[in-house]
Amino acid sequence: MRDSFNEINITPLTDIFLVLLIIMMVIAPLLDQQGLNLAVPEIVNEEQIVKDSKIMNFSVSADNRYFFNDTEIVAADLEKTVSQNAKNFPDGLLIQVDDNAEHGAVVKLMDSARNVGVTSISLAR
């Protein structure tokens, strides 16, 4: 007579756990690299900003139109306008955003500024 099989073979189970462990060890360092690098702003008086700095002032209206110094800018000309004025305003870019403006419109302006080389971008309501 043949002896009955009374033990469970755990070798395949161990193999699966080791593969899962290796996958987690490879993926874990990649999870830390997500997100944006943000700098927390300081509290500064508004008079100090106006007197001491040269900042490009853009605004995004509720209907997603762009304005530079109260002059409307077409979305296709954003990058050109920022690049032409970046030398005159070394302190960066201030974007004043209407509460009803779309997120995509603001991101488009920020991308245009970054493509030109502007590294200091601030947002205001």
N, C-alpha and C. Protein backbone atom coordinates (compact mmCIF):
# COMPACT_ATOMS: atom_id res chain seq x y z
N MET A 1 0.81 -1.19 0.00
CA MET A 1 0.00 0.00 0.00
C MET A 1 0.85 1.25 0.00
N ARG A 2 0.28 2.18 -0.59
CA ARG A 2 0.98 3.46 -0.71
C ARG A 2 0.67 4.32 0.51
N ASP A 3 1.70 5.01 1.02
CA ASP A 3 1.49 5.90 2.16
C ASP A 3 0.76 7.15 1.70
N SER A 4 -0.10 7.64 2.53
CA SER A 4 -0.84 8.86 2.17
C SER A 4 0.04 10.09 2.40
N PHE A 5 -0.25 11.13 1.63
CA PHE A 5 0.51 12.39 1.68
C PHE A 5 -0.10 13.27 2.76
N ASN A 6 0.63 13.49 3.86
CA ASN A 6 0.08 14.23 5.00
C ASN A 6 0.73 15.59 5.21
N GLU A 7 1.74 15.94 4.44
CA GLU A 7 2.44 17.21 4.63
C GLU A 7 2.18 18.13 3.45
N ILE A 8 2.16 19.42 3.73
CA ILE A 8 1.97 20.42 2.68
C ILE A 8 3.34 20.90 2.23
N ASN A 9 3.54 20.97 0.94
CA ASN A 9 4.79 21.46 0.38
C ASN A 9 4.72 23.00 0.33
N ILE A 10 5.55 23.68 1.11
CA ILE A 10 5.49 25.16 1.16
C ILE A 10 6.53 25.82 0.25
N THR A 11 7.26 25.07 -0.51
CA THR A 11 8.27 25.65 -1.40
C THR A 11 7.67 26.62 -2.42
N PRO A 12 6.58 26.28 -3.12
CA PRO A 12 6.00 27.26 -4.05
C PRO A 12 5.50 28.53 -3.35
N LEU A 13 4.95 28.38 -2.16
CA LEU A 13 4.48 29.53 -1.40
C LEU A 13 5.66 30.44 -1.03
N THR A 14 6.75 29.86 -0.62
CA THR A 14 7.95 30.63 -0.28
C THR A 14 8.49 31.35 -1.50
N ASP A 15 8.49 30.71 -2.64
CA ASP A 15 8.94 31.35 -3.88
C ASP A 15 8.10 32.58 -4.21
N ILE A 16 6.80 32.46 -4.06
CA ILE A 16 5.90 33.59 -4.35
C ILE A 16 6.19 34.75 -3.41
N PHE A 17 6.37 34.46 -2.12
CA PHE A 17 6.65 35.53 -1.16
C PHE A 17 7.99 36.21 -1.45
N LEU A 18 8.98 35.46 -1.86
CA LEU A 18 10.27 36.05 -2.19
C LEU A 18 10.17 36.95 -3.42
N VAL A 19 9.42 36.53 -4.41
CA VAL A 19 9.23 37.36 -5.60
C VAL A 19 8.50 38.66 -5.23
N LEU A 20 7.46 38.56 -4.41
CA LEU A 20 6.74 39.76 -3.96
C LEU A 20 7.65 40.68 -3.14
N LEU A 21 8.50 40.13 -2.32
CA LEU A 21 9.44 40.93 -1.54
C LEU A 21 10.40 41.69 -2.44
N ILE A 22 10.91 41.01 -3.45
CA ILE A 22 11.83 41.66 -4.39
C ILE A 22 11.13 42.78 -5.15
N ILE A 23 9.90 42.55 -5.59
CA ILE A 23 9.15 43.58 -6.30
C ILE A 23 8.93 44.80 -5.39
N MET A 24 8.57 44.59 -4.15
CA MET A 24 8.35 45.70 -3.22
C MET A 24 9.65 46.46 -2.94
N MET A 25 10.77 45.74 -2.87
CA MET A 25 12.05 46.41 -2.62
C MET A 25 12.46 47.28 -3.81
N VAL A 26 12.09 46.88 -5.01
CA VAL A 26 12.41 47.66 -6.20
C VAL A 26 11.48 48.86 -6.32
N ILE A 27 10.22 48.70 -6.00
CA ILE A 27 9.23 49.77 -6.18
C ILE A 27 9.29 50.81 -5.06
N ALA A 28 9.63 50.43 -3.85
CA ALA A 28 9.59 51.33 -2.69
C ALA A 28 10.40 52.62 -2.89
N PRO A 29 11.63 52.60 -3.41
CA PRO A 29 12.35 53.86 -3.60
C PRO A 29 11.69 54.79 -4.63
N LEU A 30 10.95 54.24 -5.57
CA LEU A 30 10.30 55.06 -6.59
C LEU A 30 9.12 55.84 -6.03
N LEU A 31 8.53 55.38 -4.94
CA LEU A 31 7.36 56.04 -4.36
C LEU A 31 7.72 57.36 -3.70
N ASP A 32 8.96 57.55 -3.28
CA ASP A 32 9.38 58.78 -2.62
C ASP A 32 9.60 59.92 -3.60
N GLN A 33 9.68 59.67 -4.88
CA GLN A 33 10.03 60.70 -5.85
C GLN A 33 8.84 61.41 -6.44
N GLN A 34 7.64 61.14 -5.98
CA GLN A 34 6.47 61.78 -6.53
C GLN A 34 6.21 63.09 -5.82
N GLY A 35 5.47 64.00 -6.48
CA GLY A 35 5.07 65.24 -5.85
C GLY A 35 5.84 66.43 -6.39
N LEU A 36 5.50 67.58 -5.87
CA LEU A 36 6.11 68.84 -6.29
C LEU A 36 7.05 69.33 -5.20
N ASN A 37 8.10 70.01 -5.62
CA ASN A 37 8.96 70.67 -4.66
C ASN A 37 8.38 72.05 -4.39
N LEU A 38 7.96 72.29 -3.17
CA LEU A 38 7.33 73.55 -2.82
C LEU A 38 8.17 74.28 -1.79
N ALA A 39 8.23 75.58 -1.93
CA ALA A 39 8.88 76.42 -0.93
C ALA A 39 7.78 77.18 -0.21
N VAL A 40 7.78 77.12 1.10
CA VAL A 40 6.76 77.80 1.88
C VAL A 40 7.07 79.29 1.87
N PRO A 41 6.08 80.12 1.51
CA PRO A 41 6.34 81.56 1.42
C PRO A 41 6.45 82.22 2.79
N GLU A 42 7.18 83.32 2.81
CA GLU A 42 7.30 84.10 4.03
C GLU A 42 6.20 85.15 4.05
N ILE A 43 5.88 85.62 5.24
CA ILE A 43 4.90 86.69 5.37
C ILE A 43 5.64 88.01 5.17
N VAL A 44 5.22 88.77 4.15
CA VAL A 44 5.88 90.01 3.80
C VAL A 44 4.81 91.08 3.61
N ASN A 45 5.13 92.29 4.02
CA ASN A 45 4.20 93.39 3.79
C ASN A 45 4.09 93.69 2.30
N GLU A 46 2.90 94.08 1.86
CA GLU A 46 2.69 94.35 0.43
C GLU A 46 3.51 95.55 -0.02
N GLU A 47 3.68 96.56 0.85
CA GLU A 47 4.46 97.75 0.46
C GLU A 47 5.90 97.38 0.19
N GLN A 48 6.42 96.42 0.95
CA GLN A 48 7.79 95.98 0.78
C GLN A 48 7.99 95.32 -0.58
N ILE A 49 7.01 94.55 -1.02
CA ILE A 49 7.10 93.87 -2.31
C ILE A 49 7.13 94.89 -3.44
N VAL A 50 6.27 95.88 -3.37
CA VAL A 50 6.17 96.87 -4.44
C VAL A 50 7.43 97.71 -4.53
N LYS A 51 8.03 98.09 -3.41
CA LYS A 51 9.19 98.96 -3.41
C LYS A 51 10.48 98.24 -3.79
N ASP A 52 10.67 97.03 -3.27
CA ASP A 52 11.96 96.37 -3.36
C ASP A 52 12.15 95.42 -4.53
N SER A 53 11.10 95.03 -5.21
CA SER A 53 11.27 93.97 -6.19
C SER A 53 10.78 94.37 -7.57
N LYS A 54 11.32 93.65 -8.53
CA LYS A 54 10.88 93.80 -9.91
C LYS A 54 10.32 92.46 -10.33
N ILE A 55 9.01 92.34 -10.24
CA ILE A 55 8.33 91.09 -10.53
C ILE A 55 7.38 91.30 -11.71
N MET A 56 7.40 90.34 -12.64
CA MET A 56 6.43 90.35 -13.73
C MET A 56 5.05 90.05 -13.16
N ASN A 57 4.07 90.86 -13.49
CA ASN A 57 2.71 90.66 -12.98
C ASN A 57 1.81 90.18 -14.11
N PHE A 58 1.44 88.92 -14.03
CA PHE A 58 0.45 88.35 -14.95
C PHE A 58 -0.82 88.11 -14.16
N SER A 59 -1.94 88.11 -14.85
CA SER A 59 -3.19 87.73 -14.19
C SER A 59 -3.98 86.83 -15.14
N VAL A 60 -4.74 85.94 -14.52
CA VAL A 60 -5.61 85.03 -15.25
C VAL A 60 -7.03 85.34 -14.80
N SER A 61 -7.88 85.71 -15.76
CA SER A 61 -9.25 86.12 -15.43
C SER A 61 -10.16 84.91 -15.29
N ALA A 62 -11.40 85.18 -14.91
CA ALA A 62 -12.37 84.10 -14.69
C ALA A 62 -12.67 83.35 -15.98
N ASP A 63 -12.57 84.03 -17.12
CA ASP A 63 -12.83 83.36 -18.40
C ASP A 63 -11.53 82.91 -19.07
N ASN A 64 -10.48 82.69 -18.26
CA ASN A 64 -9.20 82.12 -18.68
C ASN A 64 -8.46 82.96 -19.72
N ARG A 65 -8.56 84.27 -19.60
CA ARG A 65 -7.77 85.16 -20.45
C ARG A 65 -6.56 85.62 -19.66
N TYR A 66 -5.47 85.88 -20.36
CA TYR A 66 -4.20 86.26 -19.73
C TYR A 66 -3.97 87.75 -19.91
N PHE A 67 -3.47 88.40 -18.85
CA PHE A 67 -3.17 89.82 -18.89
C PHE A 67 -1.78 90.05 -18.31
N PHE A 68 -1.00 90.90 -19.01
CA PHE A 68 0.31 91.32 -18.53
C PHE A 68 0.29 92.83 -18.45
N ASN A 69 0.40 93.35 -17.24
CA ASN A 69 0.31 94.81 -17.00
C ASN A 69 -0.95 95.39 -17.65
N ASP A 70 -2.08 94.76 -17.39
CA ASP A 70 -3.40 95.18 -17.89
C ASP A 70 -3.54 95.12 -19.41
N THR A 71 -2.65 94.43 -20.10
CA THR A 71 -2.74 94.23 -21.54
C THR A 71 -3.04 92.76 -21.78
N GLU A 72 -4.07 92.48 -22.58
CA GLU A 72 -4.43 91.08 -22.82
C GLU A 72 -3.41 90.41 -23.72
N ILE A 73 -3.04 89.20 -23.35
CA ILE A 73 -2.07 88.39 -24.11
C ILE A 73 -2.78 87.15 -24.60
N VAL A 74 -2.61 86.83 -25.87
CA VAL A 74 -3.17 85.61 -26.44
C VAL A 74 -2.39 84.42 -25.90
N ALA A 75 -3.06 83.31 -25.67
CA ALA A 75 -2.42 82.13 -25.08
C ALA A 75 -1.23 81.65 -25.90
N ALA A 76 -1.28 81.80 -27.21
CA ALA A 76 -0.18 81.35 -28.07
C ALA A 76 1.07 82.21 -27.89
N ASP A 77 0.90 83.45 -27.41
CA ASP A 77 2.03 84.37 -27.26
C ASP A 77 2.57 84.44 -25.84
N LEU A 78 2.11 83.57 -24.96
CA LEU A 78 2.55 83.62 -23.56
C LEU A 78 4.06 83.46 -23.43
N GLU A 79 4.58 82.43 -24.04
CA GLU A 79 6.01 82.14 -23.90
C GLU A 79 6.86 83.27 -24.47
N LYS A 80 6.43 83.82 -25.59
CA LYS A 80 7.17 84.92 -26.21
C LYS A 80 7.15 86.16 -25.31
N THR A 81 5.99 86.46 -24.73
CA THR A 81 5.87 87.64 -23.86
C THR A 81 6.72 87.48 -22.60
N VAL A 82 6.69 86.31 -22.01
CA VAL A 82 7.49 86.07 -20.81
C VAL A 82 8.98 86.17 -21.14
N SER A 83 9.41 85.59 -22.25
CA SER A 83 10.84 85.63 -22.60
C SER A 83 11.31 87.04 -22.90
N GLN A 84 10.47 87.87 -23.52
CA GLN A 84 10.85 89.24 -23.82
C GLN A 84 10.99 90.09 -22.56
N ASN A 85 10.21 89.80 -21.54
CA ASN A 85 10.22 90.62 -20.34
C ASN A 85 11.00 90.02 -19.18
N ALA A 86 11.53 88.82 -19.33
CA ALA A 86 12.23 88.16 -18.23
C ALA A 86 13.49 88.91 -17.82
N LYS A 87 14.17 89.54 -18.75
CA LYS A 87 15.40 90.27 -18.43
C LYS A 87 15.10 91.52 -17.60
N ASN A 88 13.96 92.16 -17.85
CA ASN A 88 13.60 93.38 -17.13
C ASN A 88 13.06 93.10 -15.73
N PHE A 89 12.64 91.87 -15.48
CA PHE A 89 12.05 91.50 -14.19
C PHE A 89 12.81 90.30 -13.61
N PRO A 90 13.97 90.54 -12.99
CA PRO A 90 14.80 89.42 -12.53
C PRO A 90 14.26 88.70 -11.29
N ASP A 91 13.28 89.30 -10.60
CA ASP A 91 12.79 88.69 -9.36
C ASP A 91 11.75 87.61 -9.58
N GLY A 92 11.33 87.39 -10.81
CA GLY A 92 10.41 86.29 -11.08
C GLY A 92 9.07 86.72 -11.60
N LEU A 93 8.08 85.88 -11.36
CA LEU A 93 6.75 86.03 -11.94
C LEU A 93 5.70 85.90 -10.85
N LEU A 94 4.75 86.84 -10.84
CA LEU A 94 3.61 86.79 -9.92
C LEU A 94 2.36 86.59 -10.77
N ILE A 95 1.63 85.53 -10.48
CA ILE A 95 0.40 85.24 -11.21
C ILE A 95 -0.77 85.50 -10.27
N GLN A 96 -1.59 86.47 -10.63
CA GLN A 96 -2.80 86.75 -9.86
C GLN A 96 -3.95 86.02 -10.55
N VAL A 97 -4.59 85.13 -9.81
CA VAL A 97 -5.57 84.22 -10.39
C VAL A 97 -6.95 84.53 -9.84
N ASP A 98 -7.92 84.64 -10.73
CA ASP A 98 -9.31 84.78 -10.31
C ASP A 98 -9.79 83.46 -9.72
N ASP A 99 -10.72 83.54 -8.78
CA ASP A 99 -11.21 82.33 -8.12
C ASP A 99 -11.88 81.36 -9.09
N ASN A 100 -12.43 81.86 -10.18
CA ASN A 100 -13.16 81.01 -11.12
C ASN A 100 -12.32 80.59 -12.33
N ALA A 101 -11.04 80.93 -12.34
CA ALA A 101 -10.17 80.54 -13.46
C ALA A 101 -9.89 79.04 -13.38
N GLU A 102 -9.69 78.44 -14.54
CA GLU A 102 -9.41 77.00 -14.59
C GLU A 102 -7.96 76.72 -14.24
N HIS A 103 -7.75 75.59 -13.64
CA HIS A 103 -6.42 75.15 -13.24
C HIS A 103 -5.50 75.03 -14.46
N GLY A 104 -6.03 74.53 -15.56
CA GLY A 104 -5.23 74.33 -16.77
C GLY A 104 -4.67 75.63 -17.32
N ALA A 105 -5.43 76.71 -17.19
CA ALA A 105 -4.96 78.01 -17.69
C ALA A 105 -3.77 78.50 -16.87
N VAL A 106 -3.81 78.29 -15.57
CA VAL A 106 -2.71 78.72 -14.71
C VAL A 106 -1.48 77.86 -14.97
N VAL A 107 -1.67 76.57 -15.13
CA VAL A 107 -0.55 75.66 -15.39
C VAL A 107 0.10 75.99 -16.73
N LYS A 108 -0.69 76.37 -17.71
CA LYS A 108 -0.13 76.74 -19.02
C LYS A 108 0.80 77.94 -18.88
N LEU A 109 0.39 78.94 -18.10
CA LEU A 109 1.23 80.11 -17.87
C LEU A 109 2.50 79.73 -17.10
N MET A 110 2.36 78.88 -16.10
CA MET A 110 3.53 78.44 -15.33
C MET A 110 4.50 77.65 -16.21
N ASP A 111 3.98 76.78 -17.08
CA ASP A 111 4.83 76.02 -17.99
C ASP A 111 5.56 76.94 -18.96
N SER A 112 4.87 77.95 -19.46
CA SER A 112 5.50 78.90 -20.37
C SER A 112 6.66 79.61 -19.68
N ALA A 113 6.46 80.00 -18.43
CA ALA A 113 7.52 80.68 -17.68
C ALA A 113 8.70 79.74 -17.43
N ARG A 114 8.43 78.51 -17.08
CA ARG A 114 9.52 77.56 -16.82
C ARG A 114 10.29 77.24 -18.09
N ASN A 115 9.60 77.16 -19.23
CA ASN A 115 10.27 76.88 -20.50
C ASN A 115 11.25 77.99 -20.87
N VAL A 116 10.93 79.20 -20.47
CA VAL A 116 11.78 80.35 -20.77
C VAL A 116 12.95 80.44 -19.79
N GLY A 117 12.79 79.87 -18.61
CA GLY A 117 13.87 79.89 -17.63
C GLY A 117 13.55 80.64 -16.35
N VAL A 118 12.31 81.05 -16.17
CA VAL A 118 11.92 81.72 -14.93
C VAL A 118 11.79 80.65 -13.84
N THR A 119 12.52 80.85 -12.75
CA THR A 119 12.51 79.83 -11.69
C THR A 119 11.67 80.23 -10.50
N SER A 120 11.43 81.52 -10.32
CA SER A 120 10.67 81.99 -9.17
C SER A 120 9.26 82.38 -9.63
N ILE A 121 8.28 81.55 -9.28
CA ILE A 121 6.90 81.77 -9.68
C ILE A 121 6.04 81.80 -8.42
N SER A 122 5.24 82.86 -8.28
CA SER A 122 4.35 82.99 -7.11
C SER A 122 2.92 83.12 -7.60
N LEU A 123 1.99 82.65 -6.76
CA LEU A 123 0.56 82.74 -7.07
C LEU A 123 -0.12 83.62 -6.03
N ALA A 124 -1.12 84.39 -6.48
CA ALA A 124 -1.91 85.24 -5.58
C ALA A 124 -3.36 85.20 -6.04
N ARG A 125 -4.25 85.47 -5.09
CA ARG A 125 -5.67 85.53 -5.42
C ARG A 125 -6.08 86.96 -5.66
